[in-house]
């Protein structure tokens, strides 16, 4: 184990203690392969599963590992009409598991996220029986202020570029606190604790994933 890997594990253990006092479950996986196997082990066969847009989920390989032969997959992107998409969103409210990443996580276990329409964060807050958050150690920030700065100035510009949004940050690479019609920073959510013990499960991965 390299010094960097050792440091990631030590830091993850500190964050997991913070998550515990916030009624969230924390886990550490040294690499993305272990993280995928851990996530799958938390979701029994037959579970209904949905997700919010996340490069971390894709880069880890978790999305590719979700088999429709094993799980009841709820994929909003496969809707053939606006009406079907709305019906799928209604199903997600009662899903067994909702998968996502986080824009940042503090060393004391707070989750910091920014969203455009709120369709990702609404299900973090309420609805699905379980939420699994998969996050690389590059998402860790010392405190809430640093975590918000990370979300504003790293995650949001990168996502605006990825989504081809016409925003100032997509041109400059840095948050301009804009009100552009294409702005993806409408909702700022600080998850201080889970009101339902153990509903939110955070898998920290000893690699860099996502933005």
N, C-alpha and C. Protein backbone atom coordinates (compact mmCIF):
# COMPACT_ATOMS: atom_id res chain seq x y z
N UNK A 1 0.85 -1.20 0.00
CA UNK A 1 0.00 0.00 0.00
C UNK A 1 0.89 1.25 0.00
N UNK A 2 0.62 2.16 -0.92
CA UNK A 2 1.42 3.38 -1.01
C UNK A 2 1.03 4.37 0.09
N UNK A 3 1.90 5.35 0.39
CA UNK A 3 1.53 6.37 1.37
C UNK A 3 0.22 7.09 1.03
N UNK A 4 -0.02 7.32 -0.26
CA UNK A 4 -1.26 7.97 -0.68
C UNK A 4 -2.45 7.09 -0.35
N UNK A 5 -2.35 5.80 -0.64
CA UNK A 5 -3.44 4.88 -0.33
C UNK A 5 -3.69 4.79 1.17
N UNK A 6 -2.60 4.77 1.95
CA UNK A 6 -2.74 4.74 3.39
C UNK A 6 -3.44 5.99 3.91
N UNK A 7 -3.07 7.13 3.33
CA UNK A 7 -3.68 8.40 3.75
C UNK A 7 -5.16 8.42 3.41
N UNK A 8 -5.51 7.94 2.21
CA UNK A 8 -6.93 7.86 1.83
C UNK A 8 -7.72 7.01 2.83
N UNK A 9 -7.15 5.88 3.22
CA UNK A 9 -7.86 4.99 4.14
C UNK A 9 -8.02 5.64 5.52
N UNK A 10 -6.98 6.30 5.99
CA UNK A 10 -7.06 6.99 7.28
C UNK A 10 -8.10 8.10 7.24
N UNK A 11 -8.08 8.87 6.16
CA UNK A 11 -9.05 9.96 6.01
C UNK A 11 -10.47 9.42 5.91
N UNK A 12 -10.63 8.34 5.15
CA UNK A 12 -11.95 7.72 5.02
C UNK A 12 -12.49 7.27 6.38
N UNK A 13 -11.61 6.70 7.20
CA UNK A 13 -12.05 6.26 8.54
C UNK A 13 -12.53 7.44 9.37
N UNK A 14 -11.87 8.59 9.23
CA UNK A 14 -12.30 9.80 9.94
C UNK A 14 -13.68 10.24 9.45
N UNK A 15 -13.87 10.22 8.13
CA UNK A 15 -15.17 10.63 7.56
C UNK A 15 -16.27 9.67 7.98
N UNK A 16 -15.97 8.39 7.99
CA UNK A 16 -16.96 7.38 8.38
C UNK A 16 -17.45 7.61 9.81
N UNK A 17 -16.56 8.03 10.69
CA UNK A 17 -16.98 8.36 12.06
C UNK A 17 -17.93 9.55 12.05
N UNK A 18 -17.65 10.53 11.21
CA UNK A 18 -18.55 11.68 11.08
C UNK A 18 -19.90 11.28 10.53
N UNK A 19 -19.90 10.38 9.55
CA UNK A 19 -21.16 9.90 8.98
C UNK A 19 -22.00 9.19 10.03
N UNK A 20 -21.34 8.40 10.87
CA UNK A 20 -22.06 7.62 11.88
C UNK A 20 -22.84 8.51 12.83
N UNK A 21 -22.23 9.60 13.28
CA UNK A 21 -22.94 10.48 14.20
C UNK A 21 -24.09 11.22 13.50
N UNK A 22 -24.05 11.23 12.17
CA UNK A 22 -25.11 11.85 11.38
C UNK A 22 -26.15 10.83 10.91
N UNK A 23 -26.10 9.64 11.47
CA UNK A 23 -27.03 8.55 11.18
C UNK A 23 -26.94 8.05 9.74
N UNK A 24 -25.73 8.21 9.14
CA UNK A 24 -25.46 7.67 7.82
C UNK A 24 -24.42 6.55 7.96
N UNK A 25 -24.48 5.57 7.06
CA UNK A 25 -23.52 4.48 7.08
C UNK A 25 -22.37 4.79 6.13
N UNK A 26 -21.15 4.58 6.58
CA UNK A 26 -19.99 4.83 5.75
C UNK A 26 -19.18 3.57 5.50
N UNK A 27 -18.63 3.45 4.30
CA UNK A 27 -17.81 2.31 3.91
C UNK A 27 -16.59 2.83 3.14
N UNK A 28 -15.53 2.06 3.15
CA UNK A 28 -14.35 2.43 2.36
C UNK A 28 -13.98 1.28 1.44
N UNK A 29 -13.75 1.60 0.17
CA UNK A 29 -13.27 0.63 -0.81
C UNK A 29 -11.96 1.16 -1.38
N UNK A 30 -10.92 0.38 -1.42
CA UNK A 30 -9.62 0.88 -1.89
C UNK A 30 -9.57 1.23 -3.37
N UNK A 31 -10.46 0.62 -4.16
CA UNK A 31 -10.48 0.92 -5.59
C UNK A 31 -11.90 0.76 -6.12
N UNK A 32 -12.09 1.15 -7.38
CA UNK A 32 -13.44 1.16 -7.94
C UNK A 32 -14.02 -0.24 -8.10
N UNK A 33 -13.17 -1.23 -8.36
CA UNK A 33 -13.67 -2.60 -8.49
C UNK A 33 -14.27 -3.08 -7.17
N UNK A 34 -13.57 -2.80 -6.08
CA UNK A 34 -14.08 -3.18 -4.76
C UNK A 34 -15.33 -2.39 -4.41
N UNK A 35 -15.37 -1.13 -4.87
CA UNK A 35 -16.55 -0.29 -4.59
C UNK A 35 -17.79 -0.84 -5.28
N UNK A 36 -17.62 -1.28 -6.52
CA UNK A 36 -18.76 -1.84 -7.27
C UNK A 36 -19.26 -3.11 -6.59
N UNK A 37 -18.37 -3.98 -6.20
CA UNK A 37 -18.78 -5.22 -5.54
C UNK A 37 -19.48 -4.92 -4.21
N UNK A 38 -18.99 -3.92 -3.49
CA UNK A 38 -19.60 -3.53 -2.23
C UNK A 38 -21.00 -2.99 -2.46
N UNK A 39 -21.15 -2.12 -3.45
CA UNK A 39 -22.47 -1.55 -3.75
C UNK A 39 -23.46 -2.65 -4.13
N UNK A 40 -23.03 -3.58 -4.96
CA UNK A 40 -23.92 -4.67 -5.38
C UNK A 40 -24.31 -5.54 -4.19
N UNK A 41 -23.38 -5.74 -3.26
CA UNK A 41 -23.68 -6.58 -2.09
C UNK A 41 -24.70 -5.93 -1.16
N UNK A 42 -24.84 -4.61 -1.25
CA UNK A 42 -25.80 -3.90 -0.40
C UNK A 42 -27.22 -3.95 -0.97
N UNK A 43 -27.35 -4.36 -2.26
CA UNK A 43 -28.64 -4.33 -2.93
C UNK A 43 -29.09 -5.76 -3.26
N UNK A 44 -30.04 -6.31 -2.54
CA UNK A 44 -30.51 -7.67 -2.80
C UNK A 44 -31.09 -7.83 -4.20
N UNK A 45 -30.95 -9.01 -4.76
CA UNK A 45 -31.56 -9.31 -6.06
C UNK A 45 -33.05 -9.03 -6.00
N UNK A 46 -33.57 -8.47 -7.08
CA UNK A 46 -34.99 -8.13 -7.15
C UNK A 46 -35.30 -6.72 -6.71
N UNK A 47 -34.32 -6.01 -6.16
CA UNK A 47 -34.53 -4.64 -5.72
C UNK A 47 -34.80 -3.73 -6.91
N UNK A 48 -35.62 -2.72 -6.69
CA UNK A 48 -35.83 -1.70 -7.72
C UNK A 48 -34.77 -0.62 -7.53
N UNK A 49 -34.13 -0.23 -8.63
CA UNK A 49 -32.97 0.66 -8.58
C UNK A 49 -33.11 1.78 -9.60
N UNK A 50 -32.83 3.00 -9.13
CA UNK A 50 -32.78 4.18 -10.01
C UNK A 50 -31.53 4.95 -9.66
N UNK A 51 -31.26 6.03 -10.39
CA UNK A 51 -30.03 6.79 -10.15
C UNK A 51 -30.18 8.21 -10.64
N UNK A 52 -29.28 9.04 -10.12
CA UNK A 52 -29.15 10.41 -10.60
C UNK A 52 -27.90 10.53 -11.45
N UNK A 53 -27.90 11.48 -12.37
CA UNK A 53 -26.77 11.63 -13.28
C UNK A 53 -25.45 11.76 -12.53
N UNK A 54 -24.46 10.94 -12.90
CA UNK A 54 -23.20 10.92 -12.17
C UNK A 54 -22.09 10.31 -13.00
N UNK A 55 -21.02 11.07 -13.20
CA UNK A 55 -19.85 10.52 -13.87
C UNK A 55 -19.17 9.48 -12.99
N UNK A 56 -19.24 9.66 -11.67
CA UNK A 56 -18.60 8.72 -10.75
C UNK A 56 -19.21 7.33 -10.89
N UNK A 57 -20.52 7.26 -11.01
CA UNK A 57 -21.18 5.97 -11.18
C UNK A 57 -20.73 5.29 -12.46
N UNK A 58 -20.62 6.08 -13.53
CA UNK A 58 -20.20 5.51 -14.81
C UNK A 58 -18.74 5.09 -14.79
N UNK A 59 -17.87 5.98 -14.28
CA UNK A 59 -16.43 5.69 -14.29
C UNK A 59 -16.07 4.53 -13.38
N UNK A 60 -16.84 4.32 -12.34
CA UNK A 60 -16.54 3.21 -11.42
C UNK A 60 -16.86 1.86 -12.03
N UNK A 61 -17.78 1.85 -13.00
CA UNK A 61 -18.24 0.59 -13.58
C UNK A 61 -19.53 0.08 -12.96
N UNK A 62 -20.07 0.83 -12.00
CA UNK A 62 -21.29 0.36 -11.33
C UNK A 62 -22.48 0.33 -12.29
N UNK A 63 -22.60 1.33 -13.14
CA UNK A 63 -23.75 1.35 -14.05
C UNK A 63 -23.72 0.14 -14.99
N UNK A 64 -22.54 -0.21 -15.46
CA UNK A 64 -22.42 -1.36 -16.36
C UNK A 64 -22.70 -2.68 -15.65
N UNK A 65 -22.54 -2.67 -14.32
CA UNK A 65 -22.72 -3.91 -13.55
C UNK A 65 -24.18 -4.15 -13.15
N UNK A 66 -25.05 -3.19 -13.40
CA UNK A 66 -26.46 -3.35 -13.04
C UNK A 66 -27.19 -4.17 -14.10
N UNK A 67 -27.52 -5.38 -13.78
CA UNK A 67 -28.15 -6.26 -14.76
C UNK A 67 -29.68 -6.26 -14.58
N UNK A 68 -30.42 -6.07 -15.67
CA UNK A 68 -31.88 -6.15 -15.58
C UNK A 68 -32.37 -7.56 -15.25
N UNK A 69 -31.48 -8.54 -15.37
CA UNK A 69 -31.84 -9.90 -14.97
C UNK A 69 -31.81 -10.06 -13.45
N UNK A 70 -31.11 -9.15 -12.78
CA UNK A 70 -30.98 -9.21 -11.33
C UNK A 70 -31.83 -8.18 -10.62
N UNK A 71 -31.95 -6.99 -11.24
CA UNK A 71 -32.64 -5.88 -10.59
C UNK A 71 -33.79 -5.34 -11.45
N UNK A 72 -34.70 -4.69 -10.78
CA UNK A 72 -35.78 -3.95 -11.46
C UNK A 72 -35.24 -2.55 -11.72
N UNK A 73 -34.80 -2.30 -12.95
CA UNK A 73 -34.13 -1.06 -13.31
C UNK A 73 -35.16 0.00 -13.70
N UNK A 74 -35.06 1.17 -13.08
CA UNK A 74 -35.93 2.30 -13.42
C UNK A 74 -35.06 3.36 -14.09
N UNK A 75 -35.11 3.43 -15.42
CA UNK A 75 -34.24 4.31 -16.18
C UNK A 75 -35.08 5.39 -16.87
N UNK A 76 -35.02 6.60 -16.33
CA UNK A 76 -35.80 7.71 -16.89
C UNK A 76 -35.40 8.03 -18.32
N UNK A 77 -34.13 7.78 -18.67
CA UNK A 77 -33.65 8.14 -20.00
C UNK A 77 -34.23 7.25 -21.10
N UNK A 78 -34.88 6.16 -20.72
CA UNK A 78 -35.48 5.28 -21.73
C UNK A 78 -36.95 5.60 -21.97
N UNK A 79 -37.42 6.67 -21.35
CA UNK A 79 -38.82 7.06 -21.55
C UNK A 79 -39.03 7.49 -23.00
N UNK A 80 -40.15 7.08 -23.57
CA UNK A 80 -40.43 7.40 -24.96
C UNK A 80 -41.30 8.65 -25.11
N UNK A 81 -41.74 9.23 -23.99
CA UNK A 81 -42.58 10.42 -24.03
C UNK A 81 -42.44 11.16 -22.70
N UNK A 82 -42.80 12.45 -22.68
CA UNK A 82 -42.77 13.19 -21.42
C UNK A 82 -43.66 12.54 -20.36
N UNK A 83 -44.77 11.99 -20.79
CA UNK A 83 -45.69 11.36 -19.85
C UNK A 83 -45.06 10.12 -19.21
N UNK A 84 -44.36 9.32 -20.03
CA UNK A 84 -43.71 8.13 -19.49
C UNK A 84 -42.57 8.53 -18.54
N UNK A 85 -41.87 9.59 -18.87
CA UNK A 85 -40.78 10.06 -18.01
C UNK A 85 -41.32 10.47 -16.64
N UNK A 86 -42.47 11.15 -16.64
CA UNK A 86 -43.09 11.55 -15.37
C UNK A 86 -43.52 10.33 -14.57
N UNK A 87 -44.02 9.32 -15.27
CA UNK A 87 -44.44 8.09 -14.59
C UNK A 87 -43.24 7.37 -13.97
N UNK A 88 -42.12 7.40 -14.67
CA UNK A 88 -40.91 6.77 -14.14
C UNK A 88 -40.39 7.53 -12.92
N UNK A 89 -40.46 8.86 -12.96
CA UNK A 89 -40.05 9.64 -11.79
C UNK A 89 -40.92 9.31 -10.59
N UNK A 90 -42.20 9.07 -10.84
CA UNK A 90 -43.10 8.71 -9.74
C UNK A 90 -42.71 7.35 -9.16
N UNK A 91 -42.24 6.45 -10.01
CA UNK A 91 -41.79 5.13 -9.52
C UNK A 91 -40.53 5.25 -8.66
N UNK A 92 -39.67 6.20 -9.02
CA UNK A 92 -38.41 6.36 -8.28
C UNK A 92 -38.68 6.72 -6.82
N UNK A 93 -39.73 7.46 -6.58
CA UNK A 93 -40.06 7.86 -5.20
C UNK A 93 -40.16 6.64 -4.29
N UNK A 94 -40.66 5.54 -4.84
CA UNK A 94 -40.85 4.32 -4.05
C UNK A 94 -39.80 3.24 -4.35
N UNK A 95 -38.70 3.63 -5.00
CA UNK A 95 -37.67 2.66 -5.34
C UNK A 95 -36.98 2.14 -4.07
N UNK A 96 -36.43 0.95 -4.18
CA UNK A 96 -35.68 0.39 -3.04
C UNK A 96 -34.34 1.09 -2.87
N UNK A 97 -33.68 1.40 -4.00
CA UNK A 97 -32.36 2.02 -3.94
C UNK A 97 -32.24 3.14 -4.97
N UNK A 98 -31.64 4.24 -4.55
CA UNK A 98 -31.32 5.34 -5.46
C UNK A 98 -29.81 5.54 -5.40
N UNK A 99 -29.16 5.52 -6.56
CA UNK A 99 -27.71 5.63 -6.64
C UNK A 99 -27.31 7.03 -7.10
N UNK A 100 -26.24 7.56 -6.51
CA UNK A 100 -25.77 8.88 -6.90
C UNK A 100 -24.34 9.06 -6.39
N UNK A 101 -23.74 10.17 -6.75
CA UNK A 101 -22.49 10.57 -6.12
C UNK A 101 -22.78 11.85 -5.34
N UNK A 102 -21.76 12.54 -4.93
CA UNK A 102 -21.93 13.82 -4.24
C UNK A 102 -20.91 14.79 -4.81
N UNK A 103 -21.24 16.06 -4.88
CA UNK A 103 -20.30 17.05 -5.40
C UNK A 103 -19.12 17.25 -4.46
N UNK A 104 -19.38 17.06 -3.17
CA UNK A 104 -18.30 17.17 -2.17
C UNK A 104 -18.78 16.53 -0.87
N UNK A 105 -17.80 16.14 -0.05
CA UNK A 105 -18.10 15.62 1.28
C UNK A 105 -17.06 16.18 2.24
N UNK A 106 -17.52 16.65 3.39
CA UNK A 106 -16.58 17.22 4.35
C UNK A 106 -15.92 16.13 5.16
N UNK A 107 -14.82 16.48 5.81
CA UNK A 107 -14.11 15.51 6.64
C UNK A 107 -14.93 15.12 7.87
N UNK A 108 -15.97 15.90 8.15
CA UNK A 108 -16.85 15.57 9.28
C UNK A 108 -18.12 14.86 8.83
N UNK A 109 -18.22 14.53 7.52
CA UNK A 109 -19.31 13.70 7.05
C UNK A 109 -20.53 14.39 6.49
N UNK A 110 -20.46 15.69 6.21
CA UNK A 110 -21.58 16.37 5.55
C UNK A 110 -21.48 16.19 4.04
N UNK A 111 -22.63 15.99 3.39
CA UNK A 111 -22.68 15.92 1.94
C UNK A 111 -23.09 17.28 1.39
N UNK A 112 -22.36 17.76 0.40
CA UNK A 112 -22.63 19.07 -0.20
C UNK A 112 -22.93 18.85 -1.68
N UNK A 113 -24.08 19.33 -2.14
CA UNK A 113 -24.47 19.11 -3.53
C UNK A 113 -25.14 20.33 -4.14
N UNK A 114 -24.96 20.46 -5.45
CA UNK A 114 -25.61 21.49 -6.25
C UNK A 114 -26.36 20.79 -7.37
N UNK A 115 -27.57 21.28 -7.67
CA UNK A 115 -28.38 20.64 -8.71
C UNK A 115 -29.13 21.71 -9.50
N UNK A 116 -29.50 21.34 -10.72
CA UNK A 116 -30.24 22.26 -11.57
C UNK A 116 -31.73 22.20 -11.34
N UNK A 117 -32.33 21.07 -11.72
CA UNK A 117 -33.78 20.90 -11.57
C UNK A 117 -34.17 20.24 -10.25
N UNK A 118 -33.20 19.66 -9.57
CA UNK A 118 -33.49 19.02 -8.29
C UNK A 118 -33.93 17.58 -8.39
N UNK A 119 -33.93 17.00 -9.59
CA UNK A 119 -34.40 15.62 -9.73
C UNK A 119 -33.43 14.61 -9.13
N UNK A 120 -32.19 15.00 -8.95
CA UNK A 120 -31.23 14.12 -8.27
C UNK A 120 -31.34 14.29 -6.76
N UNK A 121 -31.31 15.53 -6.32
CA UNK A 121 -31.26 15.78 -4.88
C UNK A 121 -32.60 15.58 -4.18
N UNK A 122 -33.69 15.68 -4.93
CA UNK A 122 -35.00 15.44 -4.31
C UNK A 122 -35.08 14.01 -3.78
N UNK A 123 -34.47 13.06 -4.51
CA UNK A 123 -34.53 11.66 -4.09
C UNK A 123 -33.49 11.35 -3.01
N UNK A 124 -32.46 12.17 -2.91
CA UNK A 124 -31.55 12.07 -1.76
C UNK A 124 -32.29 12.45 -0.49
N UNK A 125 -33.10 13.48 -0.59
CA UNK A 125 -33.79 14.01 0.59
C UNK A 125 -34.97 13.14 1.00
N UNK A 126 -35.72 12.67 0.02
CA UNK A 126 -36.98 11.98 0.36
C UNK A 126 -37.34 10.96 -0.71
N UNK A 127 -37.95 9.86 -0.28
CA UNK A 127 -38.50 8.91 -1.23
C UNK A 127 -37.91 7.53 -1.16
N UNK A 128 -36.93 7.22 -2.00
CA UNK A 128 -36.39 5.85 -2.04
C UNK A 128 -35.98 5.34 -0.66
N UNK A 129 -36.17 4.03 -0.47
CA UNK A 129 -35.90 3.45 0.86
C UNK A 129 -34.43 3.58 1.25
N UNK A 130 -33.55 3.45 0.26
CA UNK A 130 -32.11 3.55 0.53
C UNK A 130 -31.46 4.42 -0.53
N UNK A 131 -30.45 5.16 -0.13
CA UNK A 131 -29.64 5.95 -1.06
C UNK A 131 -28.19 5.52 -0.90
N UNK A 132 -27.57 5.14 -2.02
CA UNK A 132 -26.15 4.78 -2.00
C UNK A 132 -25.37 5.87 -2.72
N UNK A 133 -24.47 6.50 -2.01
CA UNK A 133 -23.64 7.57 -2.55
C UNK A 133 -22.23 7.02 -2.75
N UNK A 134 -21.76 7.02 -3.98
CA UNK A 134 -20.42 6.52 -4.30
C UNK A 134 -19.55 7.73 -4.65
N UNK A 135 -18.46 7.91 -3.90
CA UNK A 135 -17.64 9.11 -4.10
C UNK A 135 -16.16 8.80 -4.00
N UNK A 136 -15.40 9.25 -4.99
CA UNK A 136 -13.96 9.15 -4.93
C UNK A 136 -13.40 10.09 -3.88
N UNK A 137 -12.20 9.81 -3.41
CA UNK A 137 -11.61 10.63 -2.36
C UNK A 137 -11.24 12.03 -2.85
N UNK A 138 -11.28 12.25 -4.16
CA UNK A 138 -11.08 13.61 -4.69
C UNK A 138 -12.23 14.54 -4.33
N UNK A 139 -13.35 13.99 -3.85
CA UNK A 139 -14.50 14.82 -3.48
C UNK A 139 -14.40 15.37 -2.04
N UNK A 140 -13.38 14.96 -1.30
CA UNK A 140 -13.28 15.33 0.11
C UNK A 140 -12.78 16.77 0.25
N UNK A 141 -13.41 17.53 1.14
CA UNK A 141 -13.02 18.90 1.45
C UNK A 141 -12.95 19.07 2.96
N UNK A 142 -12.13 19.97 3.45
CA UNK A 142 -11.96 20.11 4.90
C UNK A 142 -13.22 20.48 5.66
N UNK A 143 -14.03 21.37 5.09
CA UNK A 143 -15.21 21.86 5.80
C UNK A 143 -16.28 22.26 4.79
N UNK A 144 -17.42 22.76 5.30
CA UNK A 144 -18.53 23.09 4.42
C UNK A 144 -18.18 24.18 3.41
N UNK A 145 -17.46 25.21 3.85
CA UNK A 145 -17.11 26.30 2.95
C UNK A 145 -16.24 25.81 1.80
N UNK A 146 -15.25 24.98 2.13
CA UNK A 146 -14.38 24.42 1.10
C UNK A 146 -15.14 23.47 0.19
N UNK A 147 -16.09 22.74 0.78
CA UNK A 147 -16.89 21.80 -0.01
C UNK A 147 -17.77 22.55 -1.01
N UNK A 148 -18.37 23.65 -0.57
CA UNK A 148 -19.19 24.43 -1.49
C UNK A 148 -18.33 25.05 -2.59
N UNK A 149 -17.15 25.52 -2.21
CA UNK A 149 -16.25 26.09 -3.21
C UNK A 149 -15.86 25.03 -4.24
N UNK A 150 -15.64 23.80 -3.77
CA UNK A 150 -15.31 22.72 -4.68
C UNK A 150 -16.47 22.45 -5.64
N UNK A 151 -17.67 22.38 -5.08
CA UNK A 151 -18.85 22.11 -5.90
C UNK A 151 -19.07 23.22 -6.94
N UNK A 152 -18.88 24.47 -6.51
CA UNK A 152 -19.08 25.60 -7.42
C UNK A 152 -18.01 25.67 -8.50
N UNK A 153 -16.75 25.50 -8.12
CA UNK A 153 -15.65 25.83 -9.00
C UNK A 153 -14.98 24.65 -9.70
N UNK A 154 -15.31 23.44 -9.28
CA UNK A 154 -14.80 22.25 -9.96
C UNK A 154 -15.92 21.45 -10.60
N UNK A 155 -16.88 21.03 -9.77
CA UNK A 155 -17.93 20.14 -10.27
C UNK A 155 -18.86 20.85 -11.26
N UNK A 156 -19.35 22.02 -10.89
CA UNK A 156 -20.35 22.68 -11.74
C UNK A 156 -19.79 23.11 -13.10
N UNK A 157 -18.61 23.74 -13.17
CA UNK A 157 -18.07 24.06 -14.50
C UNK A 157 -17.86 22.82 -15.37
N UNK A 158 -17.32 21.75 -14.77
CA UNK A 158 -17.08 20.53 -15.55
C UNK A 158 -18.39 19.94 -16.05
N UNK A 159 -19.42 19.94 -15.20
CA UNK A 159 -20.71 19.41 -15.64
C UNK A 159 -21.37 20.31 -16.67
N UNK A 160 -21.17 21.62 -16.57
CA UNK A 160 -21.73 22.54 -17.56
C UNK A 160 -21.08 22.30 -18.93
N UNK A 161 -19.77 22.05 -18.94
CA UNK A 161 -19.08 21.72 -20.19
C UNK A 161 -19.60 20.39 -20.74
N UNK A 162 -19.72 19.40 -19.86
CA UNK A 162 -20.18 18.07 -20.27
C UNK A 162 -21.58 18.12 -20.88
N UNK A 163 -22.43 18.97 -20.29
CA UNK A 163 -23.82 19.06 -20.74
C UNK A 163 -24.03 20.12 -21.81
N UNK A 164 -22.93 20.72 -22.28
CA UNK A 164 -22.98 21.73 -23.35
C UNK A 164 -23.88 22.91 -22.98
N UNK A 165 -23.73 23.38 -21.74
CA UNK A 165 -24.52 24.52 -21.28
C UNK A 165 -23.83 25.83 -21.64
N UNK A 166 -24.64 26.81 -21.99
CA UNK A 166 -24.13 28.14 -22.32
C UNK A 166 -24.11 28.98 -21.05
N UNK A 167 -23.11 28.74 -20.22
CA UNK A 167 -22.98 29.45 -18.95
C UNK A 167 -21.60 30.10 -18.86
N UNK A 168 -21.44 31.13 -18.03
CA UNK A 168 -20.12 31.74 -17.86
C UNK A 168 -19.06 30.74 -17.40
N UNK A 169 -19.44 29.81 -16.51
CA UNK A 169 -18.44 28.87 -16.00
C UNK A 169 -17.97 27.90 -17.08
N UNK A 170 -18.83 27.64 -18.07
CA UNK A 170 -18.44 26.76 -19.17
C UNK A 170 -17.42 27.44 -20.09
N UNK A 171 -17.33 28.78 -19.99
CA UNK A 171 -16.37 29.54 -20.79
C UNK A 171 -15.09 29.86 -20.02
N UNK A 172 -15.25 30.06 -18.70
CA UNK A 172 -14.10 30.49 -17.89
C UNK A 172 -13.53 29.39 -17.01
N UNK A 173 -14.32 28.32 -16.77
CA UNK A 173 -13.88 27.24 -15.88
C UNK A 173 -14.04 27.56 -14.41
N UNK A 174 -14.75 28.65 -14.11
CA UNK A 174 -14.91 29.05 -12.71
C UNK A 174 -16.30 29.64 -12.50
N UNK A 175 -16.90 29.37 -11.34
CA UNK A 175 -18.24 29.88 -11.04
C UNK A 175 -18.27 31.40 -11.08
N UNK A 176 -19.31 31.94 -11.74
CA UNK A 176 -19.53 33.38 -11.79
C UNK A 176 -20.80 33.77 -11.04
N UNK A 177 -21.35 32.82 -10.27
CA UNK A 177 -22.59 33.06 -9.52
C UNK A 177 -23.67 33.62 -10.43
N UNK A 178 -23.85 32.96 -11.58
CA UNK A 178 -24.69 33.51 -12.64
C UNK A 178 -26.17 33.16 -12.47
N UNK A 179 -26.99 33.83 -13.26
CA UNK A 179 -28.42 33.53 -13.37
C UNK A 179 -28.76 33.22 -14.83
N UNK A 180 -27.82 32.62 -15.51
CA UNK A 180 -28.01 32.27 -16.91
C UNK A 180 -29.19 31.31 -17.08
N UNK A 181 -29.90 31.39 -18.20
CA UNK A 181 -30.98 30.42 -18.45
C UNK A 181 -30.50 28.98 -18.44
N UNK A 182 -29.22 28.76 -18.74
CA UNK A 182 -28.65 27.41 -18.76
C UNK A 182 -28.01 27.01 -17.43
N UNK A 183 -28.12 27.85 -16.43
CA UNK A 183 -27.46 27.60 -15.15
C UNK A 183 -27.91 26.25 -14.56
N UNK A 184 -26.96 25.48 -14.04
CA UNK A 184 -27.28 24.19 -13.41
C UNK A 184 -27.16 24.27 -11.88
N UNK A 185 -27.04 25.48 -11.38
CA UNK A 185 -26.84 25.68 -9.93
C UNK A 185 -28.07 26.34 -9.30
N UNK A 186 -29.19 25.66 -9.35
CA UNK A 186 -30.42 26.20 -8.79
C UNK A 186 -30.63 25.81 -7.34
N UNK A 187 -30.21 24.60 -6.99
CA UNK A 187 -30.44 24.06 -5.65
C UNK A 187 -29.10 23.76 -4.97
N UNK A 188 -28.93 24.29 -3.77
CA UNK A 188 -27.77 23.97 -2.93
C UNK A 188 -28.28 23.19 -1.73
N UNK A 189 -27.80 21.96 -1.57
CA UNK A 189 -28.30 21.10 -0.49
C UNK A 189 -27.14 20.65 0.39
N UNK A 190 -27.29 20.88 1.69
CA UNK A 190 -26.32 20.42 2.69
C UNK A 190 -26.98 19.31 3.49
N UNK A 191 -26.50 18.11 3.35
CA UNK A 191 -27.07 16.99 4.08
C UNK A 191 -26.30 16.83 5.38
N UNK A 192 -26.89 17.35 6.44
CA UNK A 192 -26.25 17.37 7.75
C UNK A 192 -26.40 16.05 8.47
N UNK A 193 -27.55 15.37 8.25
CA UNK A 193 -27.79 14.07 8.87
C UNK A 193 -28.91 13.39 8.11
N UNK A 194 -29.05 12.09 8.33
CA UNK A 194 -30.17 11.34 7.79
C UNK A 194 -31.20 11.18 8.90
N UNK A 195 -32.42 11.63 8.65
CA UNK A 195 -33.46 11.50 9.69
C UNK A 195 -33.85 10.05 9.91
N UNK A 196 -33.65 9.22 8.87
CA UNK A 196 -33.88 7.77 8.99
C UNK A 196 -32.53 7.10 9.13
N UNK A 197 -32.23 6.50 10.28
CA UNK A 197 -30.91 5.90 10.50
C UNK A 197 -30.55 4.88 9.41
N UNK A 198 -29.39 5.06 8.81
CA UNK A 198 -28.89 4.09 7.85
C UNK A 198 -29.47 4.19 6.45
N UNK A 199 -30.40 5.12 6.22
CA UNK A 199 -30.99 5.22 4.88
C UNK A 199 -29.93 5.62 3.86
N UNK A 200 -29.07 6.56 4.21
CA UNK A 200 -28.02 7.02 3.31
C UNK A 200 -26.74 6.25 3.60
N UNK A 201 -26.21 5.60 2.56
CA UNK A 201 -24.99 4.81 2.68
C UNK A 201 -23.93 5.41 1.76
N UNK A 202 -22.80 5.76 2.31
CA UNK A 202 -21.74 6.43 1.54
C UNK A 202 -20.56 5.49 1.36
N UNK A 203 -20.22 5.21 0.10
CA UNK A 203 -19.05 4.39 -0.21
C UNK A 203 -17.94 5.32 -0.69
N UNK A 204 -16.91 5.46 0.12
CA UNK A 204 -15.74 6.25 -0.24
C UNK A 204 -14.75 5.36 -0.97
N UNK A 205 -14.26 5.85 -2.10
CA UNK A 205 -13.40 5.05 -2.97
C UNK A 205 -12.01 5.68 -3.01
N UNK A 206 -10.98 4.86 -2.80
CA UNK A 206 -9.61 5.34 -2.76
C UNK A 206 -9.02 5.65 -4.12
N UNK A 207 -9.82 6.27 -4.98
CA UNK A 207 -9.38 6.71 -6.30
C UNK A 207 -10.07 8.02 -6.62
N UNK A 208 -9.65 8.67 -7.70
CA UNK A 208 -10.35 9.85 -8.17
C UNK A 208 -11.44 9.41 -9.15
N UNK A 209 -12.67 9.86 -8.86
CA UNK A 209 -13.81 9.53 -9.72
C UNK A 209 -14.65 10.79 -9.92
N UNK A 210 -15.10 10.99 -11.15
CA UNK A 210 -15.99 12.10 -11.41
C UNK A 210 -15.32 13.45 -11.24
N UNK A 211 -16.18 14.48 -11.07
CA UNK A 211 -15.69 15.86 -10.99
C UNK A 211 -15.72 16.37 -9.55
